[in-house]
Amino acid sequence: MNPEQALVSADWNGHIHRLIDSLPHGLRDPLLLSAVEELKSHEIAALLGVPEGTVRNRISRARQLLKQKMTVLLGVRDGE
């Protein structure tokens, strides 16, 4: 990877981290436990004290919100 590609990659990683950080805790925590810690939904449910279906719903909602935010971000960047 050349220096320019590394800079672009670091910039996008920063954007993604900020978008994840902007999620409400109730959505962010299950998403991070799933994606980063690689826990299964039943493990996350036990940790958070909520039903497994709620965990799956929150992860799905978090992904939807991130997709919407990324779409807005890409639209802003393309329009620059």
PDB file of N, CA and C in Angstrom:
ATOM      1  N   MET A   1       0.851  -1.169   0.000  1.00  0.00           N
ATOM      2  CA  MET A   1       0.000   0.000   0.000  1.00  0.00           C
ATOM      3  C   MET A   1       0.902   1.239   0.000  1.00  0.00           C
ATOM      4  N   ASN A   2       0.610   2.139  -0.910  1.00  0.00           N
ATOM      5  CA  ASN A   2       1.419   3.354  -0.972  1.00  0.00           C
ATOM      6  C   ASN A   2       0.946   4.358   0.087  1.00  0.00           C
ATOM      7  N   PRO A   3       1.726   5.409   0.323  1.00  0.00           N
ATOM      8  CA  PRO A   3       1.362   6.368   1.378  1.00  0.00           C
ATOM      9  C   PRO A   3      -0.004   7.015   1.179  1.00  0.00           C
ATOM     10  N   GLU A   4      -0.369   7.314  -0.063  1.00  0.00           N
ATOM     11  CA  GLU A   4      -1.671   7.926  -0.318  1.00  0.00           C
ATOM     12  C   GLU A   4      -2.802   6.962   0.038  1.00  0.00           C
ATOM     13  N   GLN A   5      -2.655   5.695  -0.347  1.00  0.00           N
ATOM     14  CA  GLN A   5      -3.670   4.693  -0.015  1.00  0.00           C
ATOM     15  C   GLN A   5      -3.777   4.513   1.497  1.00  0.00           C
ATOM     16  N   ALA A   6      -2.648   4.530   2.174  1.00  0.00           N
ATOM     17  CA  ALA A   6      -2.644   4.382   3.631  1.00  0.00           C
ATOM     18  C   ALA A   6      -3.383   5.542   4.290  1.00  0.00           C
ATOM     19  N   LEU A   7      -3.183   6.753   3.774  1.00  0.00           N
ATOM     20  CA  LEU A   7      -3.855   7.925   4.325  1.00  0.00           C
ATOM     21  C   LEU A   7      -5.362   7.841   4.110  1.00  0.00           C
ATOM     22  N   VAL A   8      -5.784   7.439   2.921  1.00  0.00           N
ATOM     23  CA  VAL A   8      -7.215   7.295   2.627  1.00  0.00           C
ATOM     24  C   VAL A   8      -7.826   6.222   3.514  1.00  0.00           C
ATOM     25  N   SER A   9      -7.120   5.115   3.669  1.00  0.00           N
ATOM     26  CA  SER A   9      -7.605   4.026   4.512  1.00  0.00           C
ATOM     27  C   SER A   9      -7.747   4.486   5.965  1.00  0.00           C
ATOM     28  N   ALA A  10      -6.761   5.197   6.470  1.00  0.00           N
ATOM     29  CA  ALA A  10      -6.807   5.696   7.843  1.00  0.00           C
ATOM     30  C   ALA A  10      -7.953   6.687   8.013  1.00  0.00           C
ATOM     31  N   ASP A  11      -8.174   7.513   6.999  1.00  0.00           N
ATOM     32  CA  ASP A  11      -9.277   8.482   7.039  1.00  0.00           C
ATOM     33  C   ASP A  11     -10.615   7.757   7.125  1.00  0.00           C
ATOM     34  N   TRP A  12     -10.806   6.739   6.302  1.00  0.00           N
ATOM     35  CA  TRP A  12     -12.066   5.984   6.317  1.00  0.00           C
ATOM     36  C   TRP A  12     -12.241   5.238   7.633  1.00  0.00           C
ATOM     37  N   ASN A  13     -11.155   4.666   8.136  1.00  0.00           N
ATOM     38  CA  ASN A  13     -11.243   3.975   9.424  1.00  0.00           C
ATOM     39  C   ASN A  13     -11.687   4.943  10.519  1.00  0.00           C
ATOM     40  N   GLY A  14     -11.160   6.160  10.488  1.00  0.00           N
ATOM     41  CA  GLY A  14     -11.558   7.169  11.466  1.00  0.00           C
ATOM     42  C   GLY A  14     -13.030   7.515  11.344  1.00  0.00           C
ATOM     43  N   HIS A  15     -13.507   7.665  10.102  1.00  0.00           N
ATOM     44  CA  HIS A  15     -14.931   7.946   9.883  1.00  0.00           C
ATOM     45  C   HIS A  15     -15.804   6.817  10.417  1.00  0.00           C
ATOM     46  N   ILE A  16     -15.412   5.603  10.131  1.00  0.00           N
ATOM     47  CA  ILE A  16     -16.203   4.444  10.558  1.00  0.00           C
ATOM     48  C   ILE A  16     -16.240   4.364  12.085  1.00  0.00           C
ATOM     49  N   HIS A  17     -15.100   4.583  12.723  1.00  0.00           N
ATOM     50  CA  HIS A  17     -15.071   4.554  14.194  1.00  0.00           C
ATOM     51  C   HIS A  17     -15.962   5.642  14.785  1.00  0.00           C
ATOM     52  N   ARG A  18     -15.940   6.834  14.187  1.00  0.00           N
ATOM     53  CA  ARG A  18     -16.803   7.913  14.688  1.00  0.00           C
ATOM     54  C   ARG A  18     -18.277   7.578  14.483  1.00  0.00           C
ATOM     55  N   LEU A  19     -18.600   6.960  13.350  1.00  0.00           N
ATOM     56  CA  LEU A  19     -19.990   6.575  13.102  1.00  0.00           C
ATOM     57  C   LEU A  19     -20.448   5.525  14.113  1.00  0.00           C
ATOM     58  N   ILE A  20     -19.608   4.560  14.389  1.00  0.00           N
ATOM     59  CA  ILE A  20     -19.943   3.534  15.387  1.00  0.00           C
ATOM     60  C   ILE A  20     -20.089   4.177  16.765  1.00  0.00           C
ATOM     61  N   ASP A  21     -19.171   5.076  17.105  1.00  0.00           N
ATOM     62  CA  ASP A  21     -19.240   5.755  18.402  1.00  0.00           C
ATOM     63  C   ASP A  21     -20.505   6.589  18.545  1.00  0.00           C
ATOM     64  N   SER A  22     -21.057   7.045  17.421  1.00  0.00           N
ATOM     65  CA  SER A  22     -22.260   7.891  17.474  1.00  0.00           C
ATOM     66  C   SER A  22     -23.544   7.085  17.677  1.00  0.00           C
ATOM     67  N   LEU A  23     -23.453   5.766  17.576  1.00  0.00           N
ATOM     68  CA  LEU A  23     -24.641   4.936  17.804  1.00  0.00           C
ATOM     69  C   LEU A  23     -25.040   4.976  19.272  1.00  0.00           C
ATOM     70  N   PRO A  24     -26.328   4.863  19.564  1.00  0.00           N
ATOM     71  CA  PRO A  24     -26.752   4.750  20.970  1.00  0.00           C
ATOM     72  C   PRO A  24     -26.136   3.495  21.598  1.00  0.00           C
ATOM     73  N   HIS A  25     -25.829   3.563  22.896  1.00  0.00           N
ATOM     74  CA  HIS A  25     -25.200   2.432  23.600  1.00  0.00           C
ATOM     75  C   HIS A  25     -25.964   1.129  23.394  1.00  0.00           C
ATOM     76  N   GLY A  26     -27.274   1.207  23.415  1.00  0.00           N
ATOM     77  CA  GLY A  26     -28.094   0.001  23.276  1.00  0.00           C
ATOM     78  C   GLY A  26     -27.917  -0.702  21.948  1.00  0.00           C
ATOM     79  N   LEU A  27     -27.462   0.022  20.939  1.00  0.00           N
ATOM     80  CA  LEU A  27     -27.190  -0.581  19.629  1.00  0.00           C
ATOM     81  C   LEU A  27     -25.695  -0.847  19.448  1.00  0.00           C
ATOM     82  N   ARG A  28     -24.881   0.079  19.921  1.00  0.00           N
ATOM     83  CA  ARG A  28     -23.434  -0.037  19.729  1.00  0.00           C
ATOM     84  C   ARG A  28     -22.860  -1.245  20.468  1.00  0.00           C
ATOM     85  N   ASP A  29     -23.256  -1.430  21.726  1.00  0.00           N
ATOM     86  CA  ASP A  29     -22.666  -2.502  22.524  1.00  0.00           C
ATOM     87  C   ASP A  29     -22.890  -3.889  21.914  1.00  0.00           C
ATOM     88  N   PRO A  30     -24.126  -4.245  21.537  1.00  0.00           N
ATOM     89  CA  PRO A  30     -24.303  -5.561  20.916  1.00  0.00           C
ATOM     90  C   PRO A  30     -23.538  -5.703  19.594  1.00  0.00           C
ATOM     91  N   LEU A  31     -23.490  -4.626  18.816  1.00  0.00           N
ATOM     92  CA  LEU A  31     -22.760  -4.672  17.546  1.00  0.00           C
ATOM     93  C   LEU A  31     -21.277  -4.938  17.781  1.00  0.00           C
ATOM     94  N   LEU A  32     -20.687  -4.211  18.713  1.00  0.00           N
ATOM     95  CA  LEU A  32     -19.263  -4.400  18.990  1.00  0.00           C
ATOM     96  C   LEU A  32     -18.972  -5.772  19.587  1.00  0.00           C
ATOM     97  N   LEU A  33     -19.842  -6.234  20.480  1.00  0.00           N
ATOM     98  CA  LEU A  33     -19.636  -7.567  21.051  1.00  0.00           C
ATOM     99  C   LEU A  33     -19.705  -8.642  19.972  1.00  0.00           C
ATOM    100  N   SER A  34     -20.550  -8.430  18.984  1.00  0.00           N
ATOM    101  CA  SER A  34     -20.679  -9.376  17.888  1.00  0.00           C
ATOM    102  C   SER A  34     -19.513  -9.265  16.905  1.00  0.00           C
ATOM    103  N   ALA A  35     -19.247  -8.051  16.446  1.00  0.00           N
ATOM    104  CA  ALA A  35     -18.260  -7.853  15.389  1.00  0.00           C
ATOM    105  C   ALA A  35     -16.819  -7.899  15.872  1.00  0.00           C
ATOM    106  N   VAL A  36     -16.556  -7.311  17.028  1.00  0.00           N
ATOM    107  CA  VAL A  36     -15.179  -7.222  17.511  1.00  0.00           C
ATOM    108  C   VAL A  36     -14.820  -8.406  18.396  1.00  0.00           C
ATOM    109  N   GLU A  37     -15.701  -8.698  19.353  1.00  0.00           N
ATOM    110  CA  GLU A  37     -15.423  -9.788  20.289  1.00  0.00           C
ATOM    111  C   GLU A  37     -15.826 -11.155  19.733  1.00  0.00           C
ATOM    112  N   GLU A  38     -16.572 -11.138  18.614  1.00  0.00           N
ATOM    113  CA  GLU A  38     -17.025 -12.355  17.930  1.00  0.00           C
ATOM    114  C   GLU A  38     -17.875 -13.259  18.833  1.00  0.00           C
ATOM    115  N   LEU A  39     -18.688 -12.624  19.682  1.00  0.00           N
ATOM    116  CA  LEU A  39     -19.593 -13.393  20.529  1.00  0.00           C
ATOM    117  C   LEU A  39     -20.854 -13.736  19.751  1.00  0.00           C
ATOM    118  N   LYS A  40     -21.462 -14.835  20.103  1.00  0.00           N
ATOM    119  CA  LYS A  40     -22.739 -15.259  19.510  1.00  0.00           C
ATOM    120  C   LYS A  40     -23.869 -14.501  20.203  1.00  0.00           C
ATOM    121  N   SER A  41     -25.019 -14.444  19.530  1.00  0.00           N
ATOM    122  CA  SER A  41     -26.132 -13.658  20.073  1.00  0.00           C
ATOM    123  C   SER A  41     -26.574 -14.169  21.452  1.00  0.00           C
ATOM    124  N   HIS A  42     -26.526 -15.483  21.685  1.00  0.00           N
ATOM    125  CA  HIS A  42     -26.931 -15.978  23.004  1.00  0.00           C
ATOM    126  C   HIS A  42     -25.928 -15.564  24.089  1.00  0.00           C
ATOM    127  N   GLU A  43     -24.653 -15.444  23.733  1.00  0.00           N
ATOM    128  CA  GLU A  43     -23.645 -14.993  24.699  1.00  0.00           C
ATOM    129  C   GLU A  43     -23.843 -13.508  25.024  1.00  0.00           C
ATOM    130  N   ILE A  44     -24.128 -12.724  23.991  1.00  0.00           N
ATOM    131  CA  ILE A  44     -24.368 -11.294  24.186  1.00  0.00           C
ATOM    132  C   ILE A  44     -25.615 -11.093  25.030  1.00  0.00           C
ATOM    133  N   ALA A  45     -26.649 -11.870  24.747  1.00  0.00           N
ATOM    134  CA  ALA A  45     -27.896 -11.780  25.515  1.00  0.00           C
ATOM    135  C   ALA A  45     -27.626 -12.040  26.997  1.00  0.00           C
ATOM    136  N   ALA A  46     -26.826 -13.046  27.290  1.00  0.00           N
ATOM    137  CA  ALA A  46     -26.511 -13.369  28.685  1.00  0.00           C
ATOM    138  C   ALA A  46     -25.729 -12.231  29.343  1.00  0.00           C
ATOM    139  N   LEU A  47     -24.780 -11.648  28.607  1.00  0.00           N
ATOM    140  CA  LEU A  47     -23.989 -10.546  29.156  1.00  0.00           C
ATOM    141  C   LEU A  47     -24.830  -9.305  29.427  1.00  0.00           C
ATOM    142  N   LEU A  48     -25.730  -9.005  28.499  1.00  0.00           N
ATOM    143  CA  LEU A  48     -26.519  -7.780  28.613  1.00  0.00           C
ATOM    144  C   LEU A  48     -27.815  -7.964  29.383  1.00  0.00           C
ATOM    145  N   GLY A  49     -28.186  -9.204  29.625  1.00  0.00           N
ATOM    146  CA  GLY A  49     -29.417  -9.469  30.362  1.00  0.00           C
ATOM    147  C   GLY A  49     -30.678  -9.152  29.577  1.00  0.00           C
ATOM    148  N   VAL A  50     -30.630  -9.405  28.281  1.00  0.00           N
ATOM    149  CA  VAL A  50     -31.794  -9.181  27.411  1.00  0.00           C
ATOM    150  C   VAL A  50     -32.044 -10.450  26.599  1.00  0.00           C
ATOM    151  N   PRO A  51     -33.237 -10.605  26.038  1.00  0.00           N
ATOM    152  CA  PRO A  51     -33.504 -11.784  25.213  1.00  0.00           C
ATOM    153  C   PRO A  51     -32.628 -11.818  23.948  1.00  0.00           C
ATOM    154  N   GLU A  52     -32.368 -13.017  23.488  1.00  0.00           N
ATOM    155  CA  GLU A  52     -31.530 -13.206  22.304  1.00  0.00           C
ATOM    156  C   GLU A  52     -32.116 -12.509  21.072  1.00  0.00           C
ATOM    157  N   GLY A  53     -33.431 -12.549  20.941  1.00  0.00           N
ATOM    158  CA  GLY A  53     -34.076 -11.874  19.811  1.00  0.00           C
ATOM    159  C   GLY A  53     -33.840 -10.372  19.842  1.00  0.00           C
ATOM    160  N   THR A  54     -33.793  -9.808  21.032  1.00  0.00           N
ATOM    161  CA  THR A  54     -33.519  -8.378  21.192  1.00  0.00           C
ATOM    162  C   THR A  54     -32.100  -8.067  20.724  1.00  0.00           C
ATOM    163  N   VAL A  55     -31.168  -8.932  21.050  1.00  0.00           N
ATOM    164  CA  VAL A  55     -29.782  -8.750  20.612  1.00  0.00           C
ATOM    165  C   VAL A  55     -29.719  -8.750  19.093  1.00  0.00           C
ATOM    166  N   ARG A  56     -30.342  -9.727  18.464  1.00  0.00           N
ATOM    167  CA  ARG A  56     -30.314  -9.809  16.998  1.00  0.00           C
ATOM    168  C   ARG A  56     -30.968  -8.582  16.379  1.00  0.00           C
ATOM    169  N   ASN A  57     -32.065  -8.135  16.975  1.00  0.00           N
ATOM    170  CA  ASN A  57     -32.757  -6.950  16.476  1.00  0.00           C
ATOM    171  C   ASN A  57     -31.865  -5.715  16.597  1.00  0.00           C
ATOM    172  N   ARG A  58     -31.186  -5.553  17.726  1.00  0.00           N
ATOM    173  CA  ARG A  58     -30.328  -4.386  17.945  1.00  0.00           C
ATOM    174  C   ARG A  58     -29.122  -4.389  17.005  1.00  0.00           C
ATOM    175  N   ILE A  59     -28.553  -5.552  16.769  1.00  0.00           N
ATOM    176  CA  ILE A  59     -27.426  -5.639  15.839  1.00  0.00           C
ATOM    177  C   ILE A  59     -27.891  -5.264  14.433  1.00  0.00           C
ATOM    178  N   SER A  60     -29.043  -5.773  14.046  1.00  0.00           N
ATOM    179  CA  SER A  60     -29.597  -5.453  12.734  1.00  0.00           C
ATOM    180  C   SER A  60     -29.862  -3.957  12.607  1.00  0.00           C
ATOM    181  N   ARG A  61     -30.462  -3.367  13.627  1.00  0.00           N
ATOM    182  CA  ARG A  61     -30.764  -1.923  13.615  1.00  0.00           C
ATOM    183  C   ARG A  61     -29.482  -1.105  13.566  1.00  0.00           C
ATOM    184  N   ALA A  62     -28.463  -1.519  14.314  1.00  0.00           N
ATOM    185  CA  ALA A  62     -27.178  -0.807  14.300  1.00  0.00           C
ATOM    186  C   ALA A  62     -26.571  -0.841  12.904  1.00  0.00           C
ATOM    187  N   ARG A  63     -26.626  -1.980  12.252  1.00  0.00           N
ATOM    188  CA  ARG A  63     -26.092  -2.098  10.887  1.00  0.00           C
ATOM    189  C   ARG A  63     -26.868  -1.221   9.915  1.00  0.00           C
ATOM    190  N   GLN A  64     -28.186  -1.176  10.070  1.00  0.00           N
ATOM    191  CA  GLN A  64     -29.006  -0.320   9.210  1.00  0.00           C
ATOM    192  C   GLN A  64     -28.628   1.152   9.389  1.00  0.00           C
ATOM    193  N   LEU A  65     -28.477   1.572  10.629  1.00  0.00           N
ATOM    194  CA  LEU A  65     -28.113   2.965  10.895  1.00  0.00           C
ATOM    195  C   LEU A  65     -26.729   3.293  10.334  1.00  0.00           C
ATOM    196  N   LEU A  66     -25.786   2.373  10.511  1.00  0.00           N
ATOM    197  CA  LEU A  66     -24.449   2.601   9.958  1.00  0.00           C
ATOM    198  C   LEU A  66     -24.494   2.697   8.438  1.00  0.00           C
ATOM    199  N   LYS A  67     -25.290   1.853   7.816  1.00  0.00           N
ATOM    200  CA  LYS A  67     -25.427   1.895   6.358  1.00  0.00           C
ATOM    201  C   LYS A  67     -25.993   3.242   5.918  1.00  0.00           C
ATOM    202  N   GLN A  68     -27.012   3.725   6.624  1.00  0.00           N
ATOM    203  CA  GLN A  68     -27.601   5.029   6.295  1.00  0.00           C
ATOM    204  C   GLN A  68     -26.574   6.146   6.467  1.00  0.00           C
ATOM    205  N   LYS A  69     -25.828   6.107   7.553  1.00  0.00           N
ATOM    206  CA  LYS A  69     -24.833   7.139   7.817  1.00  0.00           C
ATOM    207  C   LYS A  69     -23.703   7.093   6.792  1.00  0.00           C
ATOM    208  N   MET A  70     -23.303   5.883   6.395  1.00  0.00           N
ATOM    209  CA  MET A  70     -22.261   5.750   5.375  1.00  0.00           C
ATOM    210  C   MET A  70     -22.752   6.277   4.032  1.00  0.00           C
ATOM    211  N   THR A  71     -24.015   6.033   3.715  1.00  0.00           N
ATOM    212  CA  THR A  71     -24.578   6.531   2.474  1.00  0.00           C
ATOM    213  C   THR A  71     -24.547   8.056   2.457  1.00  0.00           C
ATOM    214  N   VAL A  72     -24.900   8.670   3.580  1.00  0.00           N
ATOM    215  CA  VAL A  72     -24.856  10.127   3.674  1.00  0.00           C
ATOM    216  C   VAL A  72     -23.423  10.605   3.534  1.00  0.00           C
ATOM    217  N   LEU A  73     -22.503   9.952   4.239  1.00  0.00           N
ATOM    218  CA  LEU A  73     -21.093  10.336   4.183  1.00  0.00           C
ATOM    219  C   LEU A  73     -20.554  10.224   2.763  1.00  0.00           C
ATOM    220  N   LEU A  74     -20.858   9.140   2.085  1.00  0.00           N
ATOM    221  CA  LEU A  74     -20.401   8.959   0.708  1.00  0.00           C
ATOM    222  C   LEU A  74     -21.003  10.011  -0.209  1.00  0.00           C
ATOM    223  N   GLY A  75     -22.273  10.357   0.026  1.00  0.00           N
ATOM    224  CA  GLY A  75     -22.907  11.391  -0.774  1.00  0.00           C
ATOM    225  C   GLY A  75     -22.257  12.738  -0.579  1.00  0.00           C
ATOM    226  N   VAL A  76     -21.878  13.043   0.669  1.00  0.00           N
ATOM    227  CA  VAL A  76     -21.208  14.304   0.964  1.00  0.00           C
ATOM    228  C   VAL A  76     -19.835  14.305   0.325  1.00  0.00           C
ATOM    229  N   ARG A  77     -19.104  13.210   0.433  1.00  0.00           N
ATOM    230  CA  ARG A  77     -17.742  13.136  -0.119  1.00  0.00           C
ATOM    231  C   ARG A  77     -17.779  13.207  -1.640  1.00  0.00           C
ATOM    232  N   ASP A  78     -18.763  12.554  -2.262  1.00  0.00           N
ATOM    233  CA  ASP A  78     -18.850  12.587  -3.714  1.00  0.00           C
ATOM    234  C   ASP A  78     -19.205  13.983  -4.217  1.00  0.00           C
ATOM    235  N   GLY A  79     -19.937  14.720  -3.399  1.00  0.00           N
ATOM    236  CA  GLY A  79     -20.370  16.051  -3.787  1.00  0.00           C
ATOM    237  C   GLY A  79     -19.328  17.130  -3.529  1.00  0.00           C
ATOM    238  N   GLU A  80     -18.200  16.779  -2.913  1.00  0.00           N
ATOM    239  CA  GLU A  80     -17.167  17.764  -2.580  1.00  0.00           C
ATOM    240  C   GLU A  80     -16.526  18.298  -3.836  1.00  0.00           C
TER     241      GLU A  80
END
